[in-house]
Amino acid sequence: MPDVAAANEDVATPELMKAISAAFNSRDVDRIVSHFTDDATFWLARGPEPVGRTLKGKATIAKTLAERFKVIPDMRWDHKEYIYAGNRAISVWTVKGKGADGEDLNYQGCDIYTFRGGKISAKDTYWKIVENKDRL
């Protein structure tokens, strides 16, 4: 039986997802953005838009990540599971870190990835909102 993933570099693979996760945990912006297409879109979980914050293009993604890692220098993702669906994949994780403003990050979330040519063409991030208020 032929190896479908080997024949189609758009297909998400365990090796690719592990490499992307390792890049993010290195907090090396150049290493991270090497996994993105030049025209990639990255939707952050937080921001002023209904989708969070939209980042368009590799340069914008790199600039934003560099700024993030200055504010949260110890940010780290513990990846729990990867789910594969052709040129898409989901990474389920817990993120931890401490912001320069004292905010403790300890959230569960996931990223939905779309791949083109073996690189991330779209990344959509979601995470649980931790509140100390009694409401639904």
Protein backbone atom coordinates (compact mmCIF):
# COMPACT_ATOMS: atom_id res chain seq x y z
CA MET A 1 0.00 0.00 0.00
CA PRO A 2 1.49 3.42 -0.90
CA ASP A 3 2.38 5.92 1.81
CA VAL A 4 -0.15 8.70 1.14
CA ALA A 5 1.63 11.17 3.46
CA ALA A 6 4.93 10.70 1.63
CA ALA A 7 3.26 11.40 -1.71
CA ASN A 8 1.45 14.55 -0.53
CA GLU A 9 3.32 17.16 1.47
CA ASP A 10 0.02 18.89 2.29
CA VAL A 11 -0.85 15.98 4.60
CA ALA A 12 -0.21 16.64 8.29
CA THR A 13 2.07 14.03 9.87
CA PRO A 14 3.12 13.22 13.44
CA GLU A 15 6.70 14.22 12.59
CA LEU A 16 5.59 17.63 11.26
CA MET A 17 3.37 18.33 14.27
CA LYS A 18 6.11 17.35 16.72
CA ALA A 19 8.59 19.62 14.90
CA ILE A 20 6.15 22.55 15.07
CA SER A 21 5.49 21.94 18.77
CA ALA A 22 9.23 21.80 19.50
CA ALA A 23 9.73 25.04 17.57
CA PHE A 24 7.07 26.86 19.60
CA ASN A 25 8.50 25.53 22.87
CA SER A 26 11.97 26.75 21.85
CA ARG A 27 10.54 30.29 21.62
CA ASP A 28 12.97 30.78 18.71
CA VAL A 29 10.91 33.00 16.41
CA ASP A 30 12.94 32.18 13.27
CA ARG A 31 12.57 28.47 13.94
CA ILE A 32 8.82 28.87 14.49
CA VAL A 33 8.11 30.95 11.39
CA SER A 34 10.14 28.58 9.22
CA HIS A 35 7.07 26.34 9.51
CA PHE A 36 4.70 28.99 8.05
CA THR A 37 4.00 29.88 4.44
CA ASP A 38 4.86 33.47 3.49
CA ASP A 39 1.13 34.31 3.20
CA ALA A 40 -0.03 32.41 6.31
CA THR A 41 -2.87 33.60 8.54
CA PHE A 42 -2.70 33.10 12.31
CA TRP A 43 -5.75 33.86 14.44
CA LEU A 44 -4.76 34.46 18.07
CA ALA A 45 -7.16 33.48 20.86
CA ARG A 46 -7.13 36.97 22.38
CA GLY A 47 -7.75 40.26 20.68
CA PRO A 48 -10.19 42.94 19.57
CA GLU A 49 -11.91 40.90 16.84
CA PRO A 50 -14.57 38.17 17.13
CA VAL A 51 -11.81 35.78 15.94
CA GLY A 52 -9.32 37.13 18.50
CA ARG A 53 -6.58 38.90 16.54
CA THR A 54 -5.76 38.21 12.89
CA LEU A 55 -2.11 38.07 11.88
CA LYS A 56 -1.46 37.98 8.13
CA GLY A 57 1.89 37.04 6.68
CA LYS A 58 5.07 35.50 8.03
CA ALA A 59 6.66 38.87 8.96
CA THR A 60 3.65 39.93 11.06
CA ILE A 61 3.53 36.53 12.75
CA ALA A 62 7.24 36.75 13.59
CA LYS A 63 6.95 40.29 14.99
CA THR A 64 3.95 39.38 17.16
CA LEU A 65 5.56 36.21 18.51
CA ALA A 66 8.78 38.10 19.35
CA GLU A 67 6.71 40.65 21.29
CA ARG A 68 4.78 37.88 23.05
CA PHE A 69 7.93 36.09 24.19
CA LYS A 70 9.30 39.36 25.64
CA VAL A 71 6.15 39.63 27.79
CA ILE A 72 5.91 35.89 28.58
CA PRO A 73 9.50 34.61 28.34
CA ASP A 74 8.80 31.18 29.84
CA MET A 75 5.68 30.36 27.77
CA ARG A 76 5.47 26.60 27.19
CA TRP A 77 2.94 24.25 25.63
CA ASP A 78 2.42 20.71 26.88
CA HIS A 79 0.92 18.91 23.90
CA LYS A 80 -1.59 16.25 24.93
CA GLU A 81 -2.89 14.99 21.59
CA TYR A 82 -2.72 15.50 17.84
CA ILE A 83 -5.65 14.76 15.56
CA TYR A 84 -5.05 14.39 11.81
CA ALA A 85 -7.41 15.00 8.89
CA GLY A 86 -5.64 15.26 5.54
CA ASN A 87 -4.12 18.72 5.18
CA ARG A 88 -5.49 19.72 8.59
CA ALA A 89 -4.47 18.85 12.14
CA ILE A 90 -5.53 19.76 15.65
CA SER A 91 -3.11 20.06 18.52
CA VAL A 92 -4.61 19.83 22.03
CA TRP A 93 -2.43 21.38 24.74
CA THR A 94 -2.00 23.17 28.05
CA VAL A 95 -0.04 26.43 27.98
CA LYS A 96 1.81 27.72 31.03
CA GLY A 97 3.94 30.73 31.76
CA LYS A 98 4.12 33.94 33.74
CA GLY A 99 3.57 37.29 32.13
CA ALA A 100 5.70 40.33 32.90
CA ASP A 101 2.52 41.87 34.38
CA GLY A 102 2.23 38.98 36.84
CA GLU A 103 -0.48 37.08 34.94
CA ASP A 104 -0.17 33.33 35.38
CA LEU A 105 -0.97 31.37 32.26
CA ASN A 106 -2.39 27.92 32.83
CA TYR A 107 -4.93 27.32 30.08
CA GLN A 108 -6.13 24.34 28.11
CA GLY A 109 -6.64 24.91 24.43
CA CYS A 110 -6.16 23.73 20.90
CA ASP A 111 -4.83 24.89 17.57
CA ILE A 112 -6.44 24.04 14.26
CA TYR A 113 -3.82 23.95 11.50
CA THR A 114 -4.15 23.94 7.72
CA PHE A 115 -1.10 22.94 5.67
CA ARG A 116 0.05 23.73 2.15
CA GLY A 117 3.33 22.51 0.74
CA GLY A 118 4.42 21.07 4.08
CA LYS A 119 4.00 24.42 5.88
CA ILE A 120 1.31 26.08 7.98
CA SER A 121 -0.98 28.19 5.80
CA ALA A 122 -3.49 28.84 8.60
CA LYS A 123 -3.40 28.46 12.39
CA ASP A 124 -6.46 29.13 14.53
CA THR A 125 -5.94 29.14 18.32
CA TYR A 126 -8.61 28.53 20.97
CA TRP A 127 -8.26 28.30 24.72
CA LYS A 128 -10.40 28.00 27.81
CA ILE A 129 -11.06 31.25 29.66
CA VAL A 130 -10.25 30.93 33.35
CA GLU A 131 -12.47 33.18 35.49
CA ASN A 132 -13.11 33.39 39.18
CA LYS A 133 -16.69 34.56 38.68
CA ASP A 134 -19.75 32.38 39.16
CA ARG A 135 -21.38 32.56 35.73
CA LEU A 136 -21.88 30.45 32.65
